[in-house]
Amino acid sequence: MTKHDTKSRAAARTLPLNQILAGDCIEIMNGLPESSVDLIFADPPYNLQLRGDLHRPDNSKVDAVDDHWDQFSGFAAYDRFTRDWLAAARRVLKPDGAIWVIGSYHNIFRVGAELQNQGFWILNDVVWRKANPMPNFRGKRLTNAHETMIWASKTEGAKYTFNYEALKSLNEGVQMRSDWVLPICTGGERLKDADGAKAHPTQKPEALLHRILVGSTNPGDVVLDPFFGTGTTGAVAKMLGRDFIGIEREEAYREVAEKRISRVRRFDSEALATIRAKRAEPRVPFGQVVERGMLRPGEELYSLNNRHKAKVRADGSLIGNDVKGSIHQVGAALEGAPSCNGWTYWHFRREGRMVPIDILRQQIRAEMEAEEGRAH
């Protein structure tokens, strides 16, 4: 275990995990241990600058975002606020942590510029295309049917979490794109207050947070939401086996969030597992297979089509038809191909059956992971 891992675990023990903290997000983040959270999801005020009421064609009033927390005296004030909360967020984020910020055309470009000013490295901008957007009642602009999310690592070289295979699985085996079509909160998911009105005007759908957390965190990670609202981040984090820290200054929102999260059931450990990317699995050199006697020097390997064979050498290389090299190099040379995955190309014979050598690699990996589990 590295000195950084030890420090991170010590910080985690002092964190107010799975709690909603009351107060100003900048002050509270500055009071949290440095480099202590894995991911930040931020849904800051959009600074919509609304002027007057908005009405539908039938003259009914639209429940727009005109709350006091979205009021700023001008762009300079909003930029100061953005600079201060991002600096506090950067301080509390682990070196290999990442941040997601969501916004609209009113604020996302200003937030994006400040992210870059502070040294964050933008990984993607994701367009959340709303399947059921609110129409443009005045007919003077395009219907505003999307919001933009920025995903950024703390630094350019950070080893941020990206569960590529899990997102691909969510998308029916197709690589996940940067345009996400998801509905806004409606029906039973939309939380209401005692009067039957929306508990929060900009409540985000759980589907959005599910995709973000599955894609960029692992079970047991700590997710911080500095603009917690009615707790969508906390509810999804709890469900997916992540720890959360929520910060919210509005008491009414905190009360709704507390009740909501208390009703959430955490998935069992088997349901929390996701498909791992192959590059995230422990690397096993073919030489280890030979060293451990799983294959012996002089033993013959065969291509899947049985057209080619090669002998295992004591140093973990192969020789076949006067071609020498790694399992990948020899396979590629014999096939006349630019590359070859030797683990799936080569097979050995056991009891009359052809067995891929990758079986031996998986056996070693399973032993390594079991050993790692015992060490923790």
Protein backbone atom coordinates (compact mmCIF):
# COMPACT_ATOMS: atom_id res chain seq x y z
CA MET A 1 0.00 0.00 0.00
CA THR A 2 1.43 3.41 -0.97
CA LYS A 3 1.76 6.42 1.29
CA HIS A 4 -0.99 8.10 -0.77
CA ASP A 5 -3.35 5.13 -0.25
CA THR A 6 -2.73 5.26 3.50
CA LYS A 7 -3.43 8.99 3.55
CA SER A 8 -6.61 8.57 1.50
CA ARG A 9 -7.96 5.87 3.82
CA ALA A 10 -7.20 7.99 6.87
CA ALA A 11 -9.03 10.94 5.28
CA ALA A 12 -12.03 8.72 4.45
CA ARG A 13 -12.37 7.77 8.12
CA THR A 14 -12.78 11.44 9.05
CA LEU A 15 -15.27 12.27 6.30
CA PRO A 16 -18.97 12.85 7.11
CA LEU A 17 -20.02 9.98 4.86
CA ASN A 18 -23.64 9.54 3.83
CA GLN A 19 -24.67 12.79 5.47
CA ILE A 20 -26.26 16.00 4.21
CA LEU A 21 -24.32 18.97 5.53
CA ALA A 22 -26.15 22.25 6.08
CA GLY A 23 -24.48 25.47 4.99
CA ASP A 24 -22.45 27.19 2.30
CA CYS A 25 -20.76 24.69 -0.01
CA ILE A 26 -17.53 26.70 -0.30
CA GLU A 27 -17.04 26.96 3.46
CA ILE A 28 -17.92 23.30 4.03
CA MET A 29 -15.68 21.98 1.24
CA ASN A 30 -12.80 24.04 2.59
CA GLY A 31 -13.33 22.32 5.94
CA LEU A 32 -13.17 18.79 4.52
CA PRO A 33 -9.88 16.84 4.37
CA GLU A 34 -7.76 17.62 1.34
CA SER A 35 -7.68 15.02 -1.47
CA SER A 36 -10.42 12.92 0.10
CA VAL A 37 -13.22 12.37 -2.46
CA ASP A 38 -13.22 10.31 -5.65
CA LEU A 39 -15.86 12.13 -7.69
CA ILE A 40 -17.76 15.40 -7.59
CA PHE A 41 -21.09 15.86 -9.31
CA ALA A 42 -22.05 19.54 -9.35
CA ASP A 43 -25.34 21.05 -10.44
CA PRO A 44 -24.65 24.73 -9.62
CA PRO A 45 -27.10 27.62 -10.05
CA TYR A 46 -27.49 28.35 -13.75
CA ASN A 47 -27.82 32.14 -13.40
CA LEU A 48 -30.84 32.12 -15.70
CA GLN A 49 -31.39 35.89 -15.42
CA LEU A 50 -35.14 35.57 -15.85
CA ARG A 51 -37.05 38.79 -16.38
CA GLY A 52 -40.71 38.66 -15.43
CA ASP A 53 -43.16 35.77 -15.48
CA LEU A 54 -43.50 33.24 -18.27
CA HIS A 55 -46.97 32.07 -19.34
CA ARG A 56 -48.27 29.26 -21.52
CA PRO A 57 -50.63 29.92 -24.46
CA ASP A 58 -53.58 29.24 -22.13
CA ASN A 59 -52.25 32.03 -19.86
CA SER A 60 -51.26 29.63 -17.05
CA LYS A 61 -47.99 30.53 -15.34
CA VAL A 62 -44.87 28.41 -15.93
CA ASP A 63 -43.13 27.24 -12.74
CA ALA A 64 -39.75 28.64 -13.81
CA VAL A 65 -36.50 28.85 -11.84
CA ASP A 66 -36.75 32.22 -10.09
CA ASP A 67 -35.53 31.15 -6.62
CA HIS A 68 -33.22 33.42 -4.63
CA TRP A 69 -30.32 30.97 -4.90
CA ASP A 70 -30.21 31.57 -8.67
CA GLN A 71 -29.97 35.35 -8.33
CA PHE A 72 -26.63 37.07 -9.05
CA SER A 73 -25.95 40.78 -9.57
CA GLY A 74 -24.15 40.12 -12.84
CA PHE A 75 -21.62 37.98 -14.66
CA ALA A 76 -18.73 39.22 -12.49
CA ALA A 77 -20.49 38.05 -9.33
CA TYR A 78 -21.33 34.69 -10.91
CA ASP A 79 -17.75 34.25 -12.10
CA ARG A 80 -16.41 34.93 -8.58
CA PHE A 81 -18.81 32.36 -7.18
CA THR A 82 -17.78 29.82 -9.82
CA ARG A 83 -14.08 30.42 -9.20
CA ASP A 84 -14.46 30.00 -5.43
CA TRP A 85 -16.54 26.82 -5.43
CA LEU A 86 -14.39 25.16 -8.10
CA ALA A 87 -11.23 25.98 -6.12
CA ALA A 88 -12.76 24.41 -3.02
CA ALA A 89 -13.85 21.38 -5.05
CA ARG A 90 -10.39 20.98 -6.56
CA ARG A 91 -8.79 21.01 -3.13
CA VAL A 92 -10.97 18.18 -1.79
CA LEU A 93 -10.69 16.01 -4.93
CA LYS A 94 -8.17 13.15 -4.95
CA PRO A 95 -5.29 13.41 -7.47
CA ASP A 96 -6.95 10.77 -9.68
CA GLY A 97 -10.46 12.05 -9.02
CA ALA A 98 -12.82 13.66 -11.49
CA ILE A 99 -15.66 16.15 -11.63
CA TRP A 100 -18.92 16.38 -13.55
CA VAL A 101 -20.59 19.78 -13.89
CA ILE A 102 -23.99 20.24 -15.52
CA GLY A 103 -25.38 23.49 -16.86
CA SER A 104 -27.27 25.26 -19.61
CA TYR A 105 -26.18 27.79 -22.22
CA HIS A 106 -26.55 30.49 -19.54
CA ASN A 107 -23.58 29.28 -17.50
CA ILE A 108 -21.78 26.20 -18.85
CA PHE A 109 -19.31 28.11 -21.02
CA ARG A 110 -18.25 30.31 -18.11
CA VAL A 111 -17.88 27.22 -15.89
CA GLY A 112 -15.88 25.42 -18.59
CA ALA A 113 -13.44 28.31 -18.92
CA GLU A 114 -12.90 28.41 -15.15
CA LEU A 115 -12.34 24.65 -15.03
CA GLN A 116 -9.49 25.09 -17.50
CA ASN A 117 -8.18 28.18 -15.68
CA GLN A 118 -7.80 26.11 -12.51
CA GLY A 119 -5.96 23.23 -14.16
CA PHE A 120 -8.73 20.68 -14.61
CA TRP A 121 -8.41 18.59 -17.78
CA ILE A 122 -11.63 18.30 -19.79
CA LEU A 123 -12.29 14.69 -20.84
CA ASN A 124 -15.67 15.08 -22.55
CA ASP A 125 -18.60 17.38 -22.87
CA VAL A 126 -21.79 15.36 -22.81
CA VAL A 127 -25.06 16.59 -24.24
CA TRP A 128 -28.06 15.42 -22.23
CA ARG A 129 -30.82 15.55 -24.83
CA LYS A 130 -34.18 15.66 -23.07
CA ALA A 131 -36.68 13.21 -24.50
CA ASN A 132 -39.53 15.38 -23.24
CA PRO A 133 -38.37 19.03 -23.06
CA MET A 134 -40.54 21.97 -22.13
CA PRO A 135 -41.69 23.72 -25.34
CA ASN A 136 -40.77 27.28 -26.18
CA PHE A 137 -44.10 28.97 -25.48
CA ARG A 138 -43.30 32.35 -27.04
CA GLY A 139 -42.07 30.88 -30.30
CA LYS A 140 -39.12 33.28 -30.46
CA ARG A 141 -36.30 30.77 -30.04
CA LEU A 142 -35.50 27.12 -30.62
CA THR A 143 -36.96 24.78 -28.03
CA ASN A 144 -34.24 24.38 -25.40
CA ALA A 145 -34.05 20.58 -25.47
CA HIS A 146 -30.67 19.84 -23.91
CA GLU A 147 -28.25 20.56 -21.12
CA THR A 148 -24.47 20.19 -21.24
CA MET A 149 -22.27 18.29 -18.82
CA ILE A 150 -18.50 18.66 -18.58
CA TRP A 151 -16.48 15.69 -17.34
CA ALA A 152 -12.96 16.63 -16.24
CA SER A 153 -10.07 15.03 -14.40
CA LYS A 154 -8.10 16.96 -11.79
CA THR A 155 -5.00 17.09 -14.00
CA GLU A 156 -4.05 16.09 -17.53
CA GLY A 157 -2.24 12.90 -16.53
CA ALA A 158 -4.65 11.74 -13.82
CA LYS A 159 -5.68 8.06 -13.78
CA TYR A 160 -9.40 8.78 -13.53
CA THR A 161 -11.97 5.98 -13.34
CA PHE A 162 -13.70 5.10 -16.59
CA ASN A 163 -15.72 1.89 -16.69
CA TYR A 164 -15.84 1.63 -20.47
CA GLU A 165 -17.18 -1.92 -20.62
CA ALA A 166 -19.92 -1.18 -18.06
CA LEU A 167 -21.19 1.77 -20.09
CA LYS A 168 -21.02 -0.31 -23.25
CA SER A 169 -23.13 -2.95 -21.51
CA LEU A 170 -25.67 -0.29 -20.49
CA ASN A 171 -25.87 0.65 -24.17
CA GLU A 172 -26.66 -2.87 -25.46
CA GLY A 173 -23.05 -3.66 -26.37
CA VAL A 174 -22.46 -0.47 -28.35
CA GLN A 175 -19.80 2.06 -27.33
CA MET A 176 -21.37 4.83 -25.23
CA ARG A 177 -21.57 8.16 -27.07
CA SER A 178 -21.43 11.69 -25.72
CA ASP A 179 -25.08 12.45 -26.52
CA TRP A 180 -27.46 10.94 -23.98
CA VAL A 181 -31.20 10.83 -24.63
CA LEU A 182 -32.96 10.64 -21.25
CA PRO A 183 -36.29 12.07 -20.04
CA ILE A 184 -36.57 14.85 -17.50
CA CYS A 185 -38.16 14.15 -14.11
CA THR A 186 -41.88 13.53 -14.43
CA GLY A 187 -44.56 11.40 -12.83
CA GLY A 188 -43.70 9.50 -9.68
CA GLU A 189 -40.02 10.44 -9.76
CA ARG A 190 -40.81 14.18 -9.50
CA LEU A 191 -40.77 15.01 -5.79
CA LYS A 192 -43.54 17.25 -4.45
CA ASP A 193 -43.82 19.42 -1.35
CA ALA A 194 -46.72 19.46 1.13
CA ASP A 195 -48.71 21.71 -1.22
CA GLY A 196 -48.28 19.41 -4.20
CA ALA A 197 -45.84 21.75 -5.95
CA LYS A 198 -42.40 20.71 -7.25
CA ALA A 199 -40.06 20.23 -4.29
CA HIS A 200 -37.19 21.51 -6.45
CA PRO A 201 -37.42 23.22 -9.85
CA THR A 202 -34.33 21.57 -11.35
CA GLN A 203 -34.49 18.02 -9.96
CA LYS A 204 -32.33 15.75 -12.11
CA PRO A 205 -33.51 12.28 -13.20
CA GLU A 206 -31.98 9.28 -11.45
CA ALA A 207 -31.17 7.74 -14.84
CA LEU A 208 -28.66 10.54 -15.47
CA LEU A 209 -26.81 9.97 -12.19
CA HIS A 210 -26.97 6.20 -12.62
CA ARG A 211 -25.07 6.46 -15.90
CA ILE A 212 -22.51 8.88 -14.47
CA LEU A 213 -21.80 6.86 -11.33
CA VAL A 214 -21.65 3.49 -13.10
CA GLY A 215 -19.31 4.97 -15.70
CA SER A 216 -16.92 6.98 -13.53
CA THR A 217 -16.92 5.46 -10.01
CA ASN A 218 -16.57 2.08 -8.34
CA PRO A 219 -18.43 0.63 -5.34
CA GLY A 220 -17.07 2.16 -2.13
CA ASP A 221 -15.99 5.42 -3.80
CA VAL A 222 -16.90 8.73 -2.18
CA VAL A 223 -19.11 11.03 -4.27
CA LEU A 224 -19.50 14.68 -3.25
CA ASP A 225 -22.41 16.84 -4.41
CA PRO A 226 -21.97 20.48 -3.30
CA PHE A 227 -25.43 21.52 -4.60
CA PHE A 228 -27.36 18.57 -3.22
CA GLY A 229 -30.91 19.84 -3.67
CA THR A 230 -33.41 17.03 -3.09
CA GLY A 231 -30.71 14.37 -3.14
CA THR A 232 -30.69 12.61 -6.50
CA THR A 233 -26.93 12.05 -6.25
CA GLY A 234 -27.23 10.63 -2.73
CA ALA A 235 -30.13 8.35 -3.60
CA VAL A 236 -28.38 6.83 -6.62
CA ALA A 237 -25.03 6.61 -4.79
CA LYS A 238 -26.62 4.68 -1.93
CA MET A 239 -28.42 2.37 -4.35
CA LEU A 240 -25.16 1.65 -6.22
CA GLY A 241 -23.01 1.07 -3.13
CA ARG A 242 -21.12 4.36 -3.26
CA ASP A 243 -20.70 6.69 -0.26
CA PHE A 244 -21.91 10.26 -0.64
CA ILE A 245 -21.49 13.65 0.96
CA GLY A 246 -24.22 16.19 0.25
CA ILE A 247 -24.02 19.92 0.91
CA GLU A 248 -27.24 21.97 0.84
CA ARG A 249 -28.02 25.31 2.48
CA GLU A 250 -31.81 25.21 1.96
CA GLU A 251 -33.56 23.46 4.83
CA ALA A 252 -36.63 22.53 2.78
CA TYR A 253 -34.49 20.67 0.24
CA ARG A 254 -32.53 18.88 2.97
CA GLU A 255 -35.73 17.60 4.58
CA VAL A 256 -37.00 16.18 1.28
CA ALA A 257 -33.59 14.62 0.53
CA GLU A 258 -33.33 12.97 3.96
CA LYS A 259 -36.74 11.31 3.58
CA ARG A 260 -36.01 10.26 0.03
CA ILE A 261 -32.63 8.66 0.80
CA SER A 262 -33.95 6.86 3.89
CA ARG A 263 -36.29 4.91 1.60
CA VAL A 264 -33.54 3.79 -0.79
CA ARG A 265 -32.36 0.17 -0.63
CA ARG A 266 -28.75 -0.55 -1.45
CA PHE A 267 -28.18 -3.22 -4.10
CA ASP A 268 -26.46 -6.43 -2.97
CA SER A 269 -22.78 -6.92 -3.79
CA GLU A 270 -23.45 -9.22 -6.75
CA ALA A 271 -25.78 -6.69 -8.38
CA LEU A 272 -23.21 -3.91 -7.88
CA ALA A 273 -20.56 -5.70 -9.92
CA THR A 274 -19.95 -4.36 -13.42
CA ILE A 275 -18.01 -5.67 -16.40
CA ARG A 276 -14.35 -4.75 -16.02
CA ALA A 277 -12.35 -3.31 -18.87
CA LYS A 278 -9.70 -5.77 -20.04
CA ARG A 279 -6.99 -3.14 -19.55
CA ALA A 280 -7.96 -2.85 -15.88
CA GLU A 281 -7.25 -6.53 -15.22
CA PRO A 282 -3.85 -7.54 -13.81
CA ARG A 283 -1.18 -8.00 -16.48
CA VAL A 284 0.12 -11.57 -16.73
CA PRO A 285 3.21 -12.21 -18.89
CA PHE A 286 3.19 -15.54 -20.74
CA GLY A 287 6.50 -16.27 -19.01
CA GLN A 288 4.62 -16.67 -15.73
CA VAL A 289 2.66 -19.55 -17.24
CA VAL A 290 5.94 -21.27 -18.08
CA GLU A 291 7.64 -20.43 -14.76
CA ARG A 292 4.77 -21.94 -12.83
CA GLY A 293 4.85 -25.18 -14.84
CA MET A 294 1.38 -24.69 -16.30
CA LEU A 295 3.04 -25.23 -19.69
CA ARG A 296 6.46 -26.84 -20.03
CA PRO A 297 9.38 -25.87 -22.31
CA GLY A 298 9.14 -27.95 -25.47
CA GLU A 299 5.36 -28.30 -25.25
CA GLU A 300 3.57 -27.56 -28.53
CA LEU A 301 0.88 -24.95 -29.02
CA TYR A 302 -1.58 -24.94 -31.92
CA SER A 303 -3.50 -22.21 -33.71
CA LEU A 304 -7.27 -22.44 -33.47
CA ASN A 305 -7.53 -23.56 -37.09
CA ASN A 306 -4.72 -26.12 -36.55
CA ARG A 307 -2.79 -24.68 -39.49
CA HIS A 308 0.19 -23.63 -37.38
CA LYS A 309 2.07 -24.85 -34.36
CA ALA A 310 4.92 -23.58 -32.22
CA LYS A 311 7.04 -24.81 -29.31
CA VAL A 312 7.20 -23.16 -25.90
CA ARG A 313 10.71 -22.09 -24.89
CA ALA A 314 12.12 -21.75 -21.36
CA ASP A 315 12.10 -17.92 -21.49
CA GLY A 316 8.40 -17.70 -22.35
CA SER A 317 8.95 -17.14 -26.06
CA LEU A 318 7.79 -19.40 -28.91
CA ILE A 319 9.49 -20.84 -31.97
CA GLY A 320 7.58 -22.00 -35.03
CA ASN A 321 8.64 -22.33 -38.69
CA ASP A 322 11.93 -20.57 -37.82
CA VAL A 323 9.98 -17.62 -36.38
CA LYS A 324 10.93 -16.67 -32.82
CA GLY A 325 9.31 -14.20 -30.48
CA SER A 326 6.42 -13.62 -28.11
CA ILE A 327 3.09 -15.46 -28.36
CA HIS A 328 1.75 -12.36 -30.16
CA GLN A 329 4.70 -11.88 -32.55
CA VAL A 330 4.86 -15.51 -33.65
CA GLY A 331 1.12 -15.72 -34.19
CA ALA A 332 1.13 -12.53 -36.28
CA ALA A 333 4.11 -13.72 -38.38
CA LEU A 334 2.58 -17.12 -39.12
CA GLU A 335 -0.72 -15.54 -40.13
CA GLY A 336 0.93 -12.74 -42.09
CA ALA A 337 -1.08 -10.27 -40.00
CA PRO A 338 -0.01 -6.89 -38.55
CA SER A 339 -0.95 -8.04 -35.02
CA CYS A 340 -2.27 -11.03 -33.13
CA ASN A 341 -3.69 -11.65 -29.65
CA GLY A 342 -1.62 -14.68 -28.76
CA TRP A 343 -3.71 -15.45 -25.69
CA THR A 344 -6.75 -16.29 -27.79
CA TYR A 345 -4.82 -17.52 -30.86
CA TRP A 346 -2.75 -20.27 -29.25
CA HIS A 347 -4.16 -23.52 -27.75
CA PHE A 348 -2.72 -26.53 -25.97
CA ARG A 349 -4.00 -30.12 -25.97
CA ARG A 350 -5.39 -31.70 -22.83
CA GLU A 351 -7.22 -35.04 -22.86
CA GLY A 352 -7.87 -34.76 -26.58
CA ARG A 353 -9.31 -31.25 -26.37
CA MET A 354 -7.96 -27.92 -27.61
CA VAL A 355 -7.79 -25.44 -24.72
CA PRO A 356 -6.96 -21.71 -25.20
CA ILE A 357 -3.90 -20.61 -23.22
CA ASP A 358 -6.01 -17.67 -21.99
CA ILE A 359 -7.57 -20.14 -19.51
CA LEU A 360 -4.19 -20.28 -17.76
CA ARG A 361 -3.93 -16.50 -17.66
CA GLN A 362 -7.39 -16.23 -16.11
CA GLN A 363 -6.42 -18.78 -13.48
CA ILE A 364 -3.39 -16.70 -12.48
CA ARG A 365 -5.49 -13.53 -12.41
CA ALA A 366 -8.06 -15.15 -10.13
CA GLU A 367 -5.29 -16.13 -7.73
CA MET A 368 -3.83 -12.59 -7.82
CA GLU A 369 -7.21 -11.01 -7.08
CA ALA A 370 -7.85 -13.43 -4.22
CA GLU A 371 -4.44 -12.59 -2.76
CA GLU A 372 -5.18 -8.87 -3.10
CA GLY A 373 -8.51 -9.36 -1.32
CA ARG A 374 -6.77 -11.09 1.59
CA ALA A 375 -4.22 -8.26 1.81
CA HIS A 376 -7.04 -5.70 2.27
